[in-house]
């Protein structure tokens, strides 16, 4: 049975690598996939999903006006063995996008795997994440760690000096230069790197 999946984590947990590996696994078995990425993610080449470890793949770009159901319904006519839809940076989806994706699952009978952040740099949910948390059939956490070694759950935005930024627009595209993953304790205290005390 087809399902809507939400793979979520803090920054730098390997979400994109996992997405690309999943797509590769389908292709290795002779199955076809469709990959989507938001047009506003300008960190890499437009229309390409790229991971930090160097993996990449061509993808279809979407914006807030994009209709996933219509696009997938049209594209599958030219794909004889389409078996999976994969979406990177799914926190940039809208409520309407999520409704479209539920229709892809329920009516086109295709599994949809979405990968993204649960919360922004202020600890608030993105629109896409909020509705995926509410409507996805499966919620899967991809874990990463804070500098202290415990599980990181928060995405901290930092300035050029490595200090946490506590105000600003929700969406600001950036990589390791702008965001770090922290546990809740160190996110709240503003401690962005481990401190080591020499033994006396």
Protein backbone atom coordinates (compact mmCIF):
# COMPACT_ATOMS: atom_id res chain seq x y z
CA UNK A 1 0.00 0.00 0.00
CA UNK A 2 1.33 3.45 -0.93
CA UNK A 3 2.05 5.84 1.95
CA UNK A 4 3.17 9.40 2.58
CA UNK A 5 6.45 9.40 4.53
CA UNK A 6 8.05 12.29 6.41
CA UNK A 7 11.75 11.79 7.14
CA UNK A 8 12.76 14.63 9.44
CA UNK A 9 15.80 15.72 11.41
CA UNK A 10 17.93 18.65 12.46
CA UNK A 11 20.46 20.06 9.98
CA UNK A 12 23.35 17.90 8.76
CA UNK A 13 21.81 14.53 9.60
CA UNK A 14 22.15 13.14 6.08
CA UNK A 15 18.56 13.61 4.88
CA UNK A 16 19.57 14.35 1.28
CA UNK A 17 22.07 11.49 1.23
CA UNK A 18 19.31 9.15 2.42
CA UNK A 19 16.95 10.46 -0.28
CA UNK A 20 19.51 9.92 -3.03
CA UNK A 21 20.34 6.44 -1.74
CA UNK A 22 16.64 5.54 -1.74
CA UNK A 23 16.27 6.71 -5.34
CA UNK A 24 19.39 4.75 -6.31
CA UNK A 25 17.97 1.60 -4.73
CA UNK A 26 14.84 1.87 -6.88
CA UNK A 27 16.85 2.46 -10.06
CA UNK A 28 19.16 -0.45 -9.27
CA UNK A 29 16.10 -2.70 -9.36
CA UNK A 30 14.85 -1.32 -12.67
CA UNK A 31 12.25 1.02 -11.16
CA UNK A 32 11.80 4.71 -11.94
CA UNK A 33 11.52 7.63 -9.52
CA UNK A 34 10.70 11.32 -9.70
CA UNK A 35 12.78 13.71 -7.58
CA UNK A 36 11.70 17.23 -6.59
CA UNK A 37 13.55 20.13 -4.98
CA UNK A 38 12.47 23.70 -4.09
CA UNK A 39 13.53 26.38 -6.55
CA UNK A 40 14.41 28.72 -3.67
CA UNK A 41 17.23 26.44 -2.48
CA UNK A 42 20.09 28.23 -4.24
CA UNK A 43 23.01 26.55 -2.45
CA UNK A 44 23.75 24.32 -5.43
CA UNK A 45 22.90 24.17 -9.12
CA UNK A 46 19.21 24.74 -9.90
CA UNK A 47 17.38 21.50 -10.60
CA UNK A 48 19.98 19.37 -8.85
CA UNK A 49 19.74 17.69 -5.45
CA UNK A 50 23.20 17.65 -3.86
CA UNK A 51 24.36 16.10 -0.61
CA UNK A 52 27.25 17.28 1.55
CA UNK A 53 29.20 14.10 0.79
CA UNK A 54 29.17 14.70 -2.96
CA UNK A 55 26.19 12.69 -4.21
CA UNK A 56 23.80 14.45 -6.59
CA UNK A 57 20.94 13.88 -8.99
CA UNK A 58 18.81 15.90 -11.38
CA UNK A 59 15.44 16.95 -9.97
CA UNK A 60 12.31 18.85 -10.90
CA UNK A 61 12.03 22.24 -9.19
CA UNK A 62 8.88 23.46 -7.46
CA UNK A 63 7.63 26.78 -6.11
CA UNK A 64 4.58 27.77 -4.07
CA UNK A 65 2.31 27.63 -7.16
CA UNK A 66 3.43 24.15 -8.26
CA UNK A 67 0.80 21.39 -8.53
CA UNK A 68 2.39 18.06 -7.62
CA UNK A 69 -0.64 15.98 -8.51
CA UNK A 70 -0.97 17.37 -12.02
CA UNK A 71 2.77 17.18 -12.66
CA UNK A 72 3.13 13.59 -11.47
CA UNK A 73 -0.03 12.46 -13.24
CA UNK A 74 1.33 13.89 -16.51
CA UNK A 75 4.90 12.62 -16.14
CA UNK A 76 3.93 9.07 -15.24
CA UNK A 77 2.40 8.63 -18.71
CA UNK A 78 5.94 8.64 -20.10
CA UNK A 79 7.37 6.44 -17.35
CA UNK A 80 6.45 2.78 -17.68
CA UNK A 81 7.72 1.73 -14.25
CA UNK A 82 7.36 4.77 -11.96
CA UNK A 83 7.39 3.49 -8.39
CA UNK A 84 8.29 6.34 -6.05
CA UNK A 85 8.21 10.14 -5.56
CA UNK A 86 11.00 11.74 -3.49
CA UNK A 87 11.00 15.35 -2.27
CA UNK A 88 13.99 17.17 -0.80
CA UNK A 89 13.71 20.15 1.60
CA UNK A 90 10.03 19.33 2.16
CA UNK A 91 9.68 21.92 4.92
CA UNK A 92 9.34 24.43 2.06
CA UNK A 93 6.12 22.76 0.91
CA UNK A 94 2.78 24.49 1.47
CA UNK A 95 -0.40 23.08 2.99
CA UNK A 96 -1.83 22.81 -0.53
CA UNK A 97 1.25 20.87 -1.67
CA UNK A 98 0.74 18.37 1.15
CA UNK A 99 -2.90 17.90 0.13
CA UNK A 100 -1.75 17.25 -3.45
CA UNK A 101 0.76 14.68 -2.22
CA UNK A 102 -1.90 12.86 -0.20
CA UNK A 103 -3.89 12.62 -3.44
CA UNK A 104 -0.82 11.20 -5.22
CA UNK A 105 -0.67 8.48 -2.56
CA UNK A 106 -4.40 7.82 -2.31
CA UNK A 107 -5.42 8.06 -5.98
CA UNK A 108 -2.28 7.46 -8.04
CA UNK A 109 -1.15 4.76 -5.58
CA UNK A 110 2.46 6.00 -5.51
CA UNK A 111 4.53 6.22 -2.32
CA UNK A 112 5.81 9.72 -1.55
CA UNK A 113 8.99 10.09 0.52
CA UNK A 114 9.60 13.60 1.85
CA UNK A 115 12.79 14.73 3.59
CA UNK A 116 13.25 17.92 5.58
CA UNK A 117 13.42 19.86 8.80
CA UNK A 118 10.79 19.72 11.51
CA UNK A 119 11.48 23.21 12.90
CA UNK A 120 13.15 26.49 11.96
CA UNK A 121 15.90 28.43 13.76
CA UNK A 122 13.38 29.69 16.34
CA UNK A 123 12.03 26.22 17.12
CA UNK A 124 8.79 26.86 15.19
CA UNK A 125 7.44 24.41 12.64
CA UNK A 126 7.55 25.23 8.95
CA UNK A 127 4.21 25.07 7.14
CA UNK A 128 5.23 21.98 5.19
CA UNK A 129 6.54 20.21 8.27
CA UNK A 130 3.45 21.07 10.30
CA UNK A 131 1.07 19.43 7.83
CA UNK A 132 3.36 16.49 7.19
CA UNK A 133 3.46 15.84 10.93
CA UNK A 134 -0.33 15.95 10.90
CA UNK A 135 -1.10 14.01 7.71
CA UNK A 136 1.82 11.72 6.84
CA UNK A 137 1.27 7.98 7.24
CA UNK A 138 4.79 7.41 8.56
CA UNK A 139 7.06 9.73 10.58
CA UNK A 140 10.73 8.73 10.61
CA UNK A 141 13.42 10.63 12.50
CA UNK A 142 16.93 10.72 11.06
CA UNK A 143 19.24 11.39 13.98
CA UNK A 144 22.29 13.58 14.28
CA UNK A 145 24.30 14.82 17.26
CA UNK A 146 25.06 18.06 19.05
CA UNK A 147 28.66 19.06 19.82
CA UNK A 148 28.12 17.60 23.29
CA UNK A 149 27.41 14.13 21.88
CA UNK A 150 23.68 13.98 22.66
CA UNK A 151 20.94 13.93 20.05
CA UNK A 152 20.49 17.23 18.20
CA UNK A 153 16.89 18.31 17.69
CA UNK A 154 17.25 22.07 17.11
CA UNK A 155 18.47 24.12 14.13
CA UNK A 156 20.38 27.18 15.27
CA UNK A 157 21.11 30.06 12.90
CA UNK A 158 24.49 31.64 13.58
CA UNK A 159 26.19 34.87 12.55
CA UNK A 160 29.70 35.19 11.09
CA UNK A 161 31.14 34.96 14.61
CA UNK A 162 29.34 31.71 15.40
CA UNK A 163 26.83 33.34 17.76
CA UNK A 164 23.19 32.19 17.70
CA UNK A 165 20.75 34.50 15.91
CA UNK A 166 17.38 34.80 17.64
CA UNK A 167 15.45 36.96 15.16
CA UNK A 168 14.92 37.28 11.42
CA UNK A 169 12.89 35.88 8.56
CA UNK A 170 11.95 32.22 8.82
CA UNK A 171 13.51 31.35 5.48
CA UNK A 172 17.16 32.15 4.91
CA UNK A 173 18.99 29.71 2.70
CA UNK A 174 22.35 28.60 4.04
CA UNK A 175 24.58 25.70 4.90
CA UNK A 176 27.14 25.03 7.61
CA UNK A 177 28.14 28.70 7.51
CA UNK A 178 24.69 29.74 8.77
CA UNK A 179 23.23 26.79 10.64
CA UNK A 180 24.32 24.24 13.22
CA UNK A 181 22.49 21.38 14.92
CA UNK A 182 22.19 21.50 18.70
CA UNK A 183 20.49 19.63 21.50
CA UNK A 184 17.68 21.56 23.19
CA UNK A 185 19.85 22.42 26.22
CA UNK A 186 22.64 24.03 24.22
CA UNK A 187 20.20 25.69 21.80
CA UNK A 188 18.49 27.41 24.73
CA UNK A 189 21.76 28.36 26.44
CA UNK A 190 23.31 29.59 23.18
CA UNK A 191 26.36 27.34 23.49
CA UNK A 192 27.43 26.64 19.93
CA UNK A 193 30.61 24.67 20.53
CA UNK A 194 32.01 22.31 23.10
CA UNK A 195 34.21 23.69 25.83
CA UNK A 196 36.94 21.49 27.24
CA UNK A 197 38.26 21.97 30.74
CA UNK A 198 41.82 20.75 31.26
CA UNK A 199 42.32 18.38 34.16
CA UNK A 200 44.03 19.98 37.16
